Amino acid sequence: MSRKTGIVKDLRYLRHDAGFGHPESPKRLGATYAMLESPDMVGRFVEIAPRHATHEEIGLIHSQSYIDFVASTAGQSFVALDPDTAATPESYDVAKLAVGGLCNAIDMVVTGEIENAFALVRPPGHHAGVSNAAGFCLFNNVAIGAMYAHKKYHVDKILIVDWDLHHGNGTQAQFYDDPRVLYFSTHQYPYYPGTGSIEEIGRGKGLGYTINVPLRPGTDDAQYVKIFTKVVHPVSMKFEPQMVLLSAGFDPYFKDPLGGMRVTPEGFAYMTRILMNIADACCGGKFVVTLEGGYHITGLAESIKLVLKEMRDDTHVQNDVLECIERDADSRIDPVLKRVMDQVNPIWRVF
């Protein structure tokens, strides 16, 4: 039986323009929305109408001075926020819609109206810091979403997984000493933004609640499955999250112009299933995804399609298939995995 899966989808997300030739273009969602109209996808999802997040909600993560600064860009033709990130006339409005869309998705999953959801929004968020934009990101959607779920619904244990090509430095920094959030990231390393080493595992009460797996170019489906099976799954099961959030960047796709990874659309579906298994075991399947990067237009749409099919249970990767894929993984990932395990095992004791 299919699951009831929601999608946040709104043409207003196409109004943010990061500048001529910028990889984070409206075409990304344009192609994705067109894919949703294909015969095997149309009408299969619950559409979630977004709303504008309030300043109070955005302020769960960002400083008021930064929110005011982004607001001041409204209507301006072009404001450079950092070397890679710009605001154009409608960017502030669209960024509030991105946050509000994710919050509405969280509402519907927590209240049981739907079983899981994918917020197909832009601009992305995971590089944005408390008081700064960075890496195409204005407001940190997933971090705000986590604190929104905590404040409104008293969700006290949240797993955030980030498989974007680039390390989610903004998200990590926000929760670095916070044991309410277990942040797990796979990312190409060394690469922008330069953070996310194995040694970065949190501090204070949050020690061990940040787990980074920095990867060399060429990492493929089987190696990602091995990482998710050997590290993400056992630690998450020990943590027992009350909600699973995913920062889904599709720039590890094997043809992405910004990266060097070798993940196929099927590979993203495999990782999705592992996270769904965690959510099913720990929190009644509460799983909410938000879009981050991914700059190969057709590859992005095809990858999202397979993730959505997996979320809805139109496809269902079985555990024995995942085990076979994991066994086929190149052993070159093993030294990295051992170092990661050695770093966090004193806290989690699951390896």
Protein backbone atom coordinates (compact mmCIF):
# COMPACT_ATOMS: atom_id res chain seq x y z
CA MET A 1 0.00 0.00 0.00
CA SER A 2 1.32 3.43 -0.92
CA ARG A 3 2.19 6.01 1.68
CA LYS A 4 0.61 9.44 1.72
CA THR A 5 3.49 11.70 0.66
CA GLY A 6 3.28 15.48 0.51
CA ILE A 7 5.14 17.90 -1.72
CA VAL A 8 5.64 21.62 -1.30
CA LYS A 9 5.39 23.06 -4.79
CA ASP A 10 4.75 26.66 -5.85
CA LEU A 11 5.70 28.60 -8.96
CA ARG A 12 6.71 31.56 -6.80
CA TYR A 13 9.89 29.64 -5.93
CA LEU A 14 11.03 30.31 -9.50
CA ARG A 15 11.05 34.08 -8.87
CA HIS A 16 14.33 34.10 -6.96
CA ASP A 17 17.06 34.89 -9.49
CA ALA A 18 20.62 34.48 -8.26
CA GLY A 19 22.04 36.20 -11.34
CA PHE A 20 22.77 35.47 -14.99
CA GLY A 21 24.47 32.12 -15.50
CA HIS A 22 24.25 31.19 -11.82
CA PRO A 23 23.99 27.40 -11.26
CA GLU A 24 21.23 27.84 -8.66
CA SER A 25 18.74 28.87 -11.34
CA PRO A 26 14.93 28.72 -11.52
CA LYS A 27 15.36 26.03 -14.19
CA ARG A 28 16.16 23.55 -11.41
CA LEU A 29 12.64 23.63 -10.00
CA GLY A 30 11.09 24.26 -13.39
CA ALA A 31 12.34 20.88 -14.61
CA THR A 32 11.35 19.21 -11.35
CA TYR A 33 7.83 20.60 -11.46
CA ALA A 34 7.50 19.47 -15.09
CA MET A 35 8.56 15.96 -14.03
CA LEU A 36 5.73 15.94 -11.49
CA GLU A 37 3.27 16.33 -14.33
CA SER A 38 4.43 13.16 -16.09
CA PRO A 39 1.82 10.37 -16.29
CA ASP A 40 3.44 8.20 -13.63
CA MET A 41 3.72 11.08 -11.13
CA VAL A 42 0.77 13.44 -11.60
CA GLY A 43 -1.92 13.29 -8.93
CA ARG A 44 0.01 10.93 -6.68
CA PHE A 45 1.09 13.43 -4.04
CA VAL A 46 -0.62 15.68 -1.52
CA GLU A 47 0.27 19.24 -2.49
CA ILE A 48 1.23 21.39 0.49
CA ALA A 49 0.63 25.11 0.03
CA PRO A 50 3.53 27.17 1.37
CA ARG A 51 3.26 30.31 3.44
CA HIS A 52 5.61 33.11 4.35
CA ALA A 53 7.54 32.30 7.51
CA THR A 54 7.32 34.94 10.20
CA HIS A 55 10.35 36.85 11.46
CA GLU A 56 9.85 35.08 14.77
CA GLU A 57 10.18 31.69 13.08
CA ILE A 58 13.22 32.73 11.05
CA GLY A 59 14.62 34.17 14.27
CA LEU A 60 14.73 30.70 15.80
CA ILE A 61 18.07 30.51 13.97
CA HIS A 62 18.97 33.90 12.51
CA SER A 63 19.74 37.21 14.19
CA GLN A 64 17.22 40.03 13.87
CA SER A 65 19.84 42.28 12.28
CA TYR A 66 20.47 39.70 9.55
CA ILE A 67 16.75 39.17 8.93
CA ASP A 68 16.33 42.95 8.62
CA PHE A 69 19.25 43.10 6.20
CA VAL A 70 17.78 40.43 3.91
CA ALA A 71 14.40 42.16 4.15
CA SER A 72 16.04 45.41 3.02
CA THR A 73 17.00 43.79 -0.29
CA ALA A 74 13.34 43.43 -1.34
CA GLY A 75 12.74 45.26 -4.59
CA GLN A 76 16.41 45.95 -5.21
CA SER A 77 17.75 44.85 -8.57
CA PHE A 78 20.85 43.08 -7.22
CA VAL A 79 22.49 42.86 -3.80
CA ALA A 80 25.59 40.71 -3.33
CA LEU A 81 25.29 38.87 -0.01
CA ASP A 82 28.56 36.98 -0.37
CA PRO A 83 30.79 36.13 -3.37
CA ASP A 84 28.44 33.30 -4.44
CA THR A 85 25.09 34.54 -3.16
CA ALA A 86 22.88 37.42 -4.25
CA ALA A 87 19.42 38.80 -3.63
CA THR A 88 17.28 40.18 -6.42
CA PRO A 89 13.86 41.92 -6.15
CA GLU A 90 11.84 38.94 -4.93
CA SER A 91 14.52 36.89 -3.16
CA TYR A 92 13.50 37.90 0.37
CA ASP A 93 9.87 37.01 -0.32
CA VAL A 94 10.82 33.66 -1.87
CA ALA A 95 13.24 32.83 0.96
CA LYS A 96 10.42 33.34 3.49
CA LEU A 97 8.26 31.02 1.37
CA ALA A 98 10.99 28.38 1.42
CA VAL A 99 11.09 28.39 5.21
CA GLY A 100 7.31 28.53 5.51
CA GLY A 101 6.85 25.73 3.01
CA LEU A 102 9.09 23.43 5.02
CA CYS A 103 7.33 24.39 8.26
CA ASN A 104 3.95 23.56 6.70
CA ALA A 105 5.33 20.19 5.60
CA ILE A 106 6.53 19.53 9.16
CA ASP A 107 3.08 20.47 10.49
CA MET A 108 1.34 17.94 8.26
CA VAL A 109 3.78 15.13 9.04
CA VAL A 110 3.75 15.70 12.79
CA THR A 111 -0.05 15.86 12.92
CA GLY A 112 -0.38 12.73 10.80
CA GLU A 113 -2.20 14.29 7.84
CA ILE A 114 0.53 12.80 5.66
CA GLU A 115 3.25 10.26 6.36
CA ASN A 116 6.26 12.03 4.87
CA ALA A 117 6.99 15.08 2.74
CA PHE A 118 9.44 16.70 0.32
CA ALA A 119 9.72 20.49 0.31
CA LEU A 120 10.65 21.29 -3.30
CA VAL A 121 11.77 24.81 -2.51
CA ARG A 122 14.50 27.30 -3.24
CA PRO A 123 16.74 29.04 -2.37
CA PRO A 124 18.61 26.30 -0.49
CA GLY A 125 19.65 26.84 3.10
CA HIS A 126 22.30 24.67 4.74
CA HIS A 127 25.24 27.10 4.37
CA ALA A 128 23.42 30.08 5.87
CA GLY A 129 24.70 31.10 9.30
CA VAL A 130 23.14 33.01 12.16
CA SER A 131 24.10 36.35 10.65
CA ASN A 132 25.19 35.61 7.10
CA ALA A 133 24.24 34.26 3.72
CA ALA A 134 26.61 31.81 2.06
CA GLY A 135 26.86 29.28 -0.75
CA PHE A 136 23.61 30.26 -2.55
CA CYS A 137 21.71 30.12 0.79
CA LEU A 138 19.74 32.97 2.43
CA PHE A 139 17.89 31.39 5.38
CA ASN A 140 18.80 27.98 6.81
CA ASN A 141 15.58 26.13 6.04
CA VAL A 142 16.40 22.80 7.68
CA ALA A 143 17.82 24.34 10.86
CA ILE A 144 14.77 26.57 11.25
CA GLY A 145 12.55 23.57 10.55
CA ALA A 146 14.23 21.57 13.31
CA MET A 147 13.81 24.33 15.88
CA TYR A 148 10.25 24.94 14.69
CA ALA A 149 9.40 21.27 15.30
CA HIS A 150 11.05 21.48 18.72
CA LYS A 151 9.31 24.67 19.79
CA LYS A 152 5.82 23.95 18.41
CA TYR A 153 5.58 20.21 18.91
CA HIS A 154 8.22 19.53 21.59
CA VAL A 155 10.17 17.24 19.26
CA ASP A 156 13.25 16.87 21.44
CA LYS A 157 15.39 14.47 19.36
CA ILE A 158 15.87 15.30 15.71
CA LEU A 159 18.11 13.58 13.18
CA ILE A 160 19.33 15.83 10.36
CA VAL A 161 21.08 14.01 7.54
CA ASP A 162 22.80 16.08 4.84
CA TRP A 163 23.97 14.25 1.71
CA ASP A 164 24.63 17.39 -0.34
CA LEU A 165 27.98 17.50 -2.13
CA HIS A 166 28.97 20.46 0.05
CA HIS A 167 29.25 20.32 3.81
CA GLY A 168 26.33 22.01 5.58
CA ASN A 169 28.49 24.29 7.68
CA GLY A 170 25.61 26.56 8.69
CA THR A 171 23.55 23.68 10.03
CA GLN A 172 26.51 22.11 11.81
CA ALA A 173 27.45 25.36 13.51
CA GLN A 174 23.91 25.90 14.77
CA PHE A 175 23.72 22.55 16.56
CA TYR A 176 27.38 21.91 17.36
CA ASP A 177 26.82 21.87 21.12
CA ASP A 178 23.17 20.76 21.07
CA PRO A 179 22.35 17.12 21.94
CA ARG A 180 18.77 17.55 20.75
CA VAL A 181 19.98 17.37 17.16
CA LEU A 182 22.16 14.64 15.67
CA TYR A 183 23.72 16.10 12.53
CA PHE A 184 25.22 13.70 10.01
CA SER A 185 26.91 14.84 6.79
CA THR A 186 28.53 13.17 3.80
CA HIS A 187 30.34 15.60 1.49
CA GLN A 188 33.17 15.99 -0.99
CA TYR A 189 36.31 17.04 0.87
CA PRO A 190 38.35 19.15 0.71
CA TYR A 191 35.91 21.38 -1.12
CA TYR A 192 33.67 24.36 -0.46
CA PRO A 193 33.12 25.46 2.30
CA GLY A 194 36.21 23.73 3.72
CA THR A 195 34.57 22.46 6.89
CA GLY A 196 33.39 18.97 7.80
CA SER A 197 36.53 17.09 8.80
CA ILE A 198 36.26 13.79 10.65
CA GLU A 199 37.50 15.50 13.79
CA GLU A 200 34.51 17.87 13.90
CA ILE A 201 32.20 15.91 16.20
CA GLY A 202 30.56 18.58 18.33
CA ARG A 203 31.45 20.04 21.70
CA GLY A 204 30.16 20.23 25.24
CA LYS A 205 26.82 18.49 25.62
CA GLY A 206 26.78 18.05 21.85
CA LEU A 207 29.99 16.04 21.71
CA GLY A 208 29.40 13.14 19.35
CA TYR A 209 26.19 14.62 17.97
CA THR A 210 27.94 15.89 14.84
CA ILE A 211 29.26 13.18 12.53
CA ASN A 212 31.10 14.01 9.33
CA VAL A 213 32.17 11.60 6.60
CA PRO A 214 34.41 13.60 4.25
CA LEU A 215 34.75 11.89 0.87
CA ARG A 216 37.05 11.99 -2.12
CA PRO A 217 35.66 12.49 -5.62
CA GLY A 218 34.45 9.30 -7.25
CA THR A 219 32.39 7.98 -4.34
CA ASP A 220 29.57 5.91 -5.83
CA ASP A 221 26.21 4.36 -4.91
CA ALA A 222 27.64 1.31 -3.17
CA GLN A 223 30.01 3.37 -1.03
CA TYR A 224 27.22 5.72 0.04
CA VAL A 225 25.02 2.75 0.93
CA LYS A 226 27.88 1.34 2.99
CA ILE A 227 28.27 4.64 4.87
CA PHE A 228 24.55 4.86 5.58
CA THR A 229 24.35 1.21 6.63
CA LYS A 230 27.52 1.06 8.72
CA VAL A 231 27.38 4.48 10.41
CA VAL A 232 24.15 6.42 9.93
CA HIS A 233 21.82 3.54 10.76
CA PRO A 234 23.43 2.18 13.95
CA VAL A 235 24.05 5.60 15.51
CA SER A 236 20.56 6.80 14.61
CA MET A 237 18.98 3.71 16.12
CA LYS A 238 20.86 4.39 19.35
CA PHE A 239 19.81 8.07 19.25
CA GLU A 240 16.15 7.17 18.57
CA PRO A 241 15.05 10.35 16.76
CA GLN A 242 11.49 11.62 17.05
CA MET A 243 11.76 13.06 13.53
CA VAL A 244 14.14 12.61 10.59
CA LEU A 245 14.98 15.64 8.44
CA LEU A 246 17.00 15.39 5.23
CA SER A 247 18.96 18.15 3.52
CA ALA A 248 18.76 16.61 0.05
CA GLY A 249 21.35 18.06 -2.27
CA PHE A 250 21.59 16.24 -5.58
CA ASP A 251 25.00 17.55 -6.58
CA PRO A 252 26.63 14.16 -5.78
CA TYR A 253 24.88 13.10 -9.02
CA PHE A 254 27.44 11.61 -11.40
CA LYS A 255 27.06 14.31 -14.06
CA ASP A 256 26.70 17.34 -11.79
CA PRO A 257 28.80 20.26 -13.06
CA LEU A 258 29.94 21.32 -9.58
CA GLY A 259 31.00 17.95 -8.20
CA GLY A 260 32.99 14.81 -8.70
CA MET A 261 30.82 12.13 -7.11
CA ARG A 262 29.30 9.11 -8.89
CA VAL A 263 25.81 8.77 -7.40
CA THR A 264 22.98 7.70 -9.72
CA PRO A 265 19.27 8.49 -9.25
CA GLU A 266 18.89 4.94 -7.92
CA GLY A 267 21.61 5.65 -5.37
CA PHE A 268 19.62 8.52 -3.90
CA ALA A 269 16.63 6.19 -3.61
CA TYR A 270 18.78 3.64 -1.75
CA MET A 271 19.84 6.25 0.81
CA THR A 272 16.24 7.43 1.13
CA ARG A 273 15.11 3.92 2.01
CA ILE A 274 17.72 3.59 4.75
CA LEU A 275 16.52 6.86 6.29
CA MET A 276 12.90 5.75 5.97
CA ASN A 277 13.80 2.53 7.77
CA ILE A 278 15.22 4.60 10.63
CA ALA A 279 12.11 6.79 10.74
CA ASP A 280 9.82 3.75 10.65
CA ALA A 281 11.67 2.11 13.51
CA CYS A 282 11.98 5.19 15.71
CA CYS A 283 9.27 7.75 15.04
CA GLY A 284 6.35 6.33 13.11
CA GLY A 285 7.88 7.19 9.75
CA LYS A 286 8.11 10.96 10.37
CA PHE A 287 10.46 11.94 7.53
CA VAL A 288 10.67 15.39 5.94
CA VAL A 289 13.01 16.31 3.09
CA THR A 290 14.06 19.76 1.92
CA LEU A 291 15.87 20.49 -1.32
CA GLU A 292 19.40 21.83 -1.17
CA GLY A 293 21.78 21.71 -4.18
CA GLY A 294 21.85 19.82 -7.45
CA TYR A 295 22.79 21.58 -10.67
CA HIS A 296 22.43 19.07 -13.50
CA ILE A 297 18.89 19.95 -14.50
CA THR A 298 17.71 16.63 -15.92
CA GLY A 299 19.68 14.63 -13.35
CA LEU A 300 18.09 16.62 -10.54
CA ALA A 301 14.57 15.96 -11.79
CA GLU A 302 15.21 12.24 -12.36
CA SER A 303 16.84 11.82 -8.94
CA ILE A 304 13.98 13.59 -7.16
CA LYS A 305 11.54 11.40 -9.06
CA LEU A 306 13.11 8.20 -7.74
CA VAL A 307 13.34 9.60 -4.20
CA LEU A 308 9.64 10.50 -4.29
CA LYS A 309 8.71 7.05 -5.61
CA GLU A 310 10.64 5.51 -2.74
CA MET A 311 9.01 7.84 -0.20
CA ARG A 312 5.57 6.87 -1.47
CA ASP A 313 6.46 3.15 -1.53
CA ASP A 314 5.80 2.92 -5.26
CA THR A 315 9.23 1.35 -5.14
CA HIS A 316 10.66 -0.27 -2.04
CA VAL A 317 14.33 -1.22 -1.88
CA GLN A 318 14.50 -4.36 0.25
CA ASN A 319 17.12 -4.89 2.92
CA ASP A 320 18.68 -7.83 1.09
CA VAL A 321 19.21 -5.61 -1.97
CA LEU A 322 20.87 -2.96 0.19
CA GLU A 323 23.09 -5.63 1.74
CA CYS A 324 24.18 -6.82 -1.71
CA ILE A 325 24.96 -3.26 -2.78
CA GLU A 326 26.94 -2.67 0.39
CA ARG A 327 29.01 -5.84 -0.15
CA ASP A 328 29.93 -4.58 -3.61
CA ALA A 329 31.36 -1.33 -2.22
CA ASP A 330 34.96 -0.54 -3.02
CA SER A 331 37.14 -1.08 0.06
CA ARG A 332 38.80 2.31 -0.35
CA ILE A 333 36.03 3.81 1.78
CA ASP A 334 36.95 1.55 4.71
CA PRO A 335 39.78 3.66 6.19
CA VAL A 336 37.52 6.72 6.29
CA LEU A 337 34.73 4.74 7.92
CA LYS A 338 37.11 3.34 10.52
CA ARG A 339 38.33 6.83 11.45
CA VAL A 340 34.74 8.08 11.72
CA MET A 341 33.77 5.13 13.90
CA ASP A 342 36.81 5.59 16.11
CA GLN A 343 35.93 9.26 16.63
CA VAL A 344 32.32 8.74 17.71
CA ASN A 345 32.31 5.26 19.25
CA PRO A 346 33.38 6.50 22.72
CA ILE A 347 30.07 8.36 22.80
CA TRP A 348 27.74 5.96 20.99
CA ARG A 349 29.35 2.54 21.57
CA VAL A 350 27.64 0.90 18.61
CA PHE A 351 30.63 -0.23 16.54
